[in-house]
């Protein structure tokens, strides 16, 4: 776990805190499927629905952030 902190902070430096923090929201989703595959845990339908909702929200947040960045680059700055 100690070594994972180095990778995490390197990812923050490379990708930016806002982008990397959104990806962190996928961790419970990945943990659910890893526990099912590796440990044979039963996945309740409510867990799958919730995980799917989280993935959709993260995707929409990333998409909105990218569109906002592109729109800001196109709009010229005005003088005050």
Protein backbone atom coordinates (compact mmCIF):
# COMPACT_ATOMS: atom_id res chain seq x y z
CA UNK A 1 0.00 0.00 0.00
CA UNK A 2 2.89 2.33 0.73
CA UNK A 3 4.11 2.09 -2.87
CA UNK A 4 0.62 2.81 -4.18
CA UNK A 5 0.82 6.31 -2.71
CA UNK A 6 3.71 7.10 -5.04
CA UNK A 7 1.67 5.99 -8.06
CA UNK A 8 -1.38 7.92 -6.83
CA UNK A 9 0.50 11.19 -6.37
CA UNK A 10 2.31 10.76 -9.68
CA UNK A 11 -1.10 10.29 -11.33
CA UNK A 12 -2.37 13.44 -9.62
CA UNK A 13 0.61 15.36 -10.94
CA UNK A 14 0.20 14.06 -14.48
CA UNK A 15 -3.58 14.12 -14.84
CA UNK A 16 -4.66 16.95 -12.59
CA UNK A 17 -6.52 16.62 -9.32
CA UNK A 18 -10.02 17.14 -10.75
CA UNK A 19 -9.69 14.45 -13.41
CA UNK A 20 -7.98 11.89 -11.19
CA UNK A 21 -10.44 12.44 -8.33
CA UNK A 22 -13.32 11.51 -10.64
CA UNK A 23 -11.58 8.31 -11.62
CA UNK A 24 -11.25 7.45 -7.93
CA UNK A 25 -15.04 7.23 -7.78
CA UNK A 26 -14.79 4.07 -9.88
CA UNK A 27 -12.88 2.25 -7.14
CA UNK A 28 -15.99 0.74 -5.44
CA UNK A 29 -17.21 -0.46 -8.82
CA UNK A 30 -13.93 -2.22 -9.53
CA UNK A 31 -13.84 -3.64 -6.00
CA UNK A 32 -17.30 -5.19 -6.45
CA UNK A 33 -16.28 -7.02 -9.58
CA UNK A 34 -12.88 -8.03 -8.23
CA UNK A 35 -14.53 -9.54 -5.13
CA UNK A 36 -16.97 -11.46 -7.32
CA UNK A 37 -14.25 -12.78 -9.61
CA UNK A 38 -11.53 -13.47 -7.07
CA UNK A 39 -13.50 -14.38 -3.94
CA UNK A 40 -16.74 -15.71 -5.39
CA UNK A 41 -18.85 -13.05 -3.65
CA UNK A 42 -22.51 -12.73 -4.62
CA UNK A 43 -23.41 -9.40 -6.23
CA UNK A 44 -26.84 -8.11 -5.32
CA UNK A 45 -28.82 -6.44 -8.12
CA UNK A 46 -28.94 -3.20 -6.12
CA UNK A 47 -25.14 -3.16 -5.97
CA UNK A 48 -24.92 -3.56 -9.74
CA UNK A 49 -27.45 -0.77 -10.32
CA UNK A 50 -25.61 1.55 -7.95
CA UNK A 51 -22.25 0.74 -9.53
CA UNK A 52 -23.70 1.41 -12.96
CA UNK A 53 -25.08 4.76 -11.79
CA UNK A 54 -21.67 5.76 -10.44
CA UNK A 55 -19.98 4.85 -13.72
CA UNK A 56 -22.53 6.90 -15.68
CA UNK A 57 -22.11 9.93 -13.41
CA UNK A 58 -18.31 9.77 -13.67
CA UNK A 59 -18.55 9.50 -17.45
CA UNK A 60 -20.93 12.48 -17.65
CA UNK A 61 -18.71 14.54 -15.36
CA UNK A 62 -15.67 13.81 -17.53
CA UNK A 63 -17.63 14.61 -20.68
CA UNK A 64 -18.91 17.89 -19.23
CA UNK A 65 -15.44 18.85 -18.06
CA UNK A 66 -13.98 18.18 -21.51
CA UNK A 67 -16.71 20.14 -23.27
CA UNK A 68 -16.27 23.04 -20.85
CA UNK A 69 -12.53 23.10 -21.52
CA UNK A 70 -13.08 23.05 -25.28
CA UNK A 71 -15.70 25.81 -25.10
CA UNK A 72 -13.43 27.98 -22.95
CA UNK A 73 -10.63 27.60 -25.49
CA UNK A 74 -12.89 28.74 -28.35
CA UNK A 75 -14.44 31.79 -26.66
CA UNK A 76 -12.09 34.76 -26.93
CA UNK A 77 -11.32 36.79 -23.83
CA UNK A 78 -12.94 40.22 -23.67
CA UNK A 79 -11.32 43.41 -22.45
CA UNK A 80 -12.82 45.14 -19.47
